[in-house]
N, C-alpha and C. Protein backbone atom coordinates (compact mmCIF):
# COMPACT_ATOMS: atom_id res chain seq x y z
N UNK A 1 -1.86 -22.03 -10.13
CA UNK A 1 -0.78 -22.18 -9.15
C UNK A 1 0.83 -21.89 -9.38
N UNK A 2 1.74 -21.21 -8.94
CA UNK A 2 3.00 -22.01 -9.60
C UNK A 2 3.29 -23.43 -9.05
N UNK A 3 4.77 -23.81 -9.94
CA UNK A 3 4.92 -25.04 -9.23
C UNK A 3 6.14 -24.72 -8.91
N UNK A 4 5.72 -24.89 -8.05
CA UNK A 4 7.33 -24.93 -7.60
C UNK A 4 8.31 -25.54 -6.60
N UNK A 5 8.04 -26.76 -7.42
CA UNK A 5 9.11 -27.95 -7.63
C UNK A 5 9.83 -27.91 -8.96
N UNK A 6 9.44 -27.21 -9.59
CA UNK A 6 10.37 -26.65 -11.03
C UNK A 6 10.68 -25.27 -10.46
N UNK A 7 10.36 -24.56 -10.12
CA UNK A 7 11.88 -24.45 -9.85
C UNK A 7 12.57 -24.16 -8.83
N UNK A 8 12.41 -24.61 -7.68
CA UNK A 8 13.70 -25.38 -7.06
C UNK A 8 14.02 -26.18 -8.41
N UNK A 9 14.02 -26.96 -8.84
CA UNK A 9 14.41 -28.06 -9.16
C UNK A 9 14.88 -29.36 -8.39
N UNK A 10 13.35 -29.31 -8.05
CA UNK A 10 13.12 -30.52 -6.46
C UNK A 10 11.98 -31.27 -7.25
N UNK A 11 11.83 -32.10 -6.79
CA UNK A 11 11.43 -33.88 -7.65
C UNK A 11 9.69 -32.82 -7.02
N UNK A 12 8.89 -33.19 -8.26
CA UNK A 12 6.80 -32.76 -8.10
C UNK A 12 6.68 -32.86 -6.91
N UNK A 13 6.60 -34.69 -6.30
CA UNK A 13 6.30 -34.61 -5.37
C UNK A 13 6.34 -33.98 -3.87
N UNK A 14 7.65 -34.44 -3.71
CA UNK A 14 8.32 -34.43 -2.59
C UNK A 14 8.23 -32.65 -2.22
N UNK A 15 7.99 -31.68 -3.03
CA UNK A 15 7.79 -30.43 -2.81
C UNK A 15 6.16 -29.99 -2.57
N UNK A 16 5.06 -30.70 -3.37
CA UNK A 16 3.70 -30.86 -3.80
C UNK A 16 3.47 -30.76 -1.87
N UNK A 17 4.00 -32.16 -1.69
CA UNK A 17 3.40 -32.99 0.23
C UNK A 17 4.32 -31.51 0.71
N UNK A 18 5.13 -30.72 1.05
CA UNK A 18 5.81 -30.63 1.62
C UNK A 18 4.50 -29.61 2.21
N UNK A 19 4.73 -28.04 0.74
CA UNK A 19 4.01 -27.42 0.57
C UNK A 19 2.23 -27.49 0.78
N UNK A 20 1.96 -28.76 0.73
CA UNK A 20 0.72 -28.78 1.63
C UNK A 20 0.68 -28.98 3.00
N UNK A 21 1.54 -29.72 3.72
CA UNK A 21 2.15 -29.39 5.14
C UNK A 21 2.55 -27.90 5.74
N UNK A 22 2.76 -27.02 4.89
CA UNK A 22 3.16 -26.09 5.20
C UNK A 22 1.98 -25.27 5.41
N UNK A 23 0.89 -25.34 4.67
CA UNK A 23 -0.90 -24.62 4.27
C UNK A 23 -0.99 -24.92 5.04
N UNK A 24 -1.16 -26.53 5.41
CA UNK A 24 -1.90 -26.96 6.83
C UNK A 24 -1.70 -26.13 8.62
N UNK A 25 -0.36 -26.66 8.05
CA UNK A 25 -0.11 -26.13 9.51
C UNK A 25 -0.25 -24.40 9.81
N UNK A 26 -0.31 -23.57 8.40
CA UNK A 26 -0.55 -22.07 8.69
C UNK A 26 -1.68 -21.93 8.70
N UNK A 27 -2.80 -22.88 8.67
CA UNK A 27 -5.00 -22.83 8.57
C UNK A 27 -4.53 -23.13 10.07
N UNK A 28 -4.51 -24.51 10.16
CA UNK A 28 -4.19 -25.03 11.97
C UNK A 28 -4.10 -23.28 13.06
N UNK A 29 -2.64 -23.22 12.78
CA UNK A 29 -2.06 -21.76 13.62
C UNK A 29 -3.32 -20.52 13.45
N UNK A 30 -3.18 -20.60 12.45
CA UNK A 30 -5.00 -19.56 12.80
C UNK A 30 -5.52 -19.80 12.46
N UNK A 31 -6.33 -20.45 13.07
CA UNK A 31 -7.56 -21.96 13.19
C UNK A 31 -7.26 -21.20 15.07
N UNK A 32 -6.40 -21.71 15.60
CA UNK A 32 -6.05 -21.41 17.27
C UNK A 32 -5.46 -19.75 17.20
N UNK A 33 -5.57 -19.68 16.74
CA UNK A 33 -5.33 -18.17 17.70
C UNK A 33 -6.54 -17.51 17.61
N UNK A 34 -7.36 -17.31 16.31
CA UNK A 34 -8.58 -17.38 16.45
C UNK A 34 -9.52 -17.39 17.29
N UNK A 35 -9.61 -19.22 17.82
CA UNK A 35 -10.62 -19.56 18.95
C UNK A 35 -9.85 -18.52 20.04
N UNK A 36 -8.73 -19.18 20.58
CA UNK A 36 -7.82 -18.48 22.14
C UNK A 36 -8.27 -16.91 21.34
N UNK A 37 -7.96 -15.65 20.25
CA UNK A 37 -8.22 -14.44 20.94
C UNK A 37 -9.91 -14.52 21.54
N UNK A 38 -10.93 -15.30 21.00
CA UNK A 38 -12.23 -15.61 20.99
C UNK A 38 -12.17 -15.57 22.37
N UNK A 39 -11.84 -16.69 22.66
CA UNK A 39 -11.86 -17.57 24.27
C UNK A 39 -11.24 -16.91 25.02
N UNK A 40 -10.73 -15.72 25.48
CA UNK A 40 -9.69 -15.45 25.79
C UNK A 40 -10.15 -13.28 25.96
N UNK A 41 -11.47 -12.97 25.50
CA UNK A 41 -11.91 -12.27 24.99
C UNK A 41 -13.60 -12.30 25.85
N UNK A 42 -14.28 -13.49 25.82
CA UNK A 42 -15.76 -14.42 26.57
C UNK A 42 -15.21 -14.41 27.91
N UNK A 43 -13.80 -15.22 28.50
CA UNK A 43 -13.60 -15.30 29.63
C UNK A 43 -12.35 -14.66 30.91
N UNK A 44 -12.31 -13.63 29.69
CA UNK A 44 -11.27 -12.02 29.92
C UNK A 44 -12.31 -11.14 31.67
N UNK A 45 -13.67 -10.96 30.77
CA UNK A 45 -14.14 -10.47 32.08
C UNK A 45 -14.58 -10.83 33.27
N UNK A 46 -14.79 -12.30 33.55
CA UNK A 46 -14.83 -12.77 34.61
C UNK A 46 -13.96 -13.53 35.72
N UNK A 47 -12.23 -13.62 34.67
CA UNK A 47 -10.53 -13.21 35.39
C UNK A 47 -10.69 -12.27 36.00
N UNK A 48 -11.33 -11.32 35.63
CA UNK A 48 -10.08 -10.23 36.70
C UNK A 48 -11.49 -10.18 37.40
N UNK A 49 -12.55 -9.91 37.04
CA UNK A 49 -13.77 -9.80 38.40
C UNK A 49 -13.91 -11.74 39.56
N UNK A 50 -13.24 -12.57 39.62
CA UNK A 50 -12.43 -13.04 39.82
C UNK A 50 -11.23 -12.49 40.88
N UNK A 51 -10.17 -11.56 40.31
CA UNK A 51 -8.66 -11.89 41.08
C UNK A 51 -9.07 -10.24 41.51
N UNK A 52 -10.59 -9.68 41.70
CA UNK A 52 -10.96 -8.41 42.32
C UNK A 52 -10.42 -7.08 41.07
N UNK A 53 -10.23 -7.30 39.72
CA UNK A 53 -10.22 -6.77 39.42
C UNK A 53 -11.08 -5.27 39.14
N UNK A 54 -11.26 -4.69 38.38
CA UNK A 54 -12.71 -4.39 38.20
C UNK A 54 -13.85 -4.88 37.58
């Protein structure tokens, strides 16, 4: 893995923590995106039926 801190001239510890935080947030966003997509797919027919749709 590239040492981003060395490339940017920043201290390694703070940069490493920032990269870990950004990675964690990205993974969480992906999990939420997939989860809400699955939830929407599972509940869509029921909601459409309740609203008088097809």
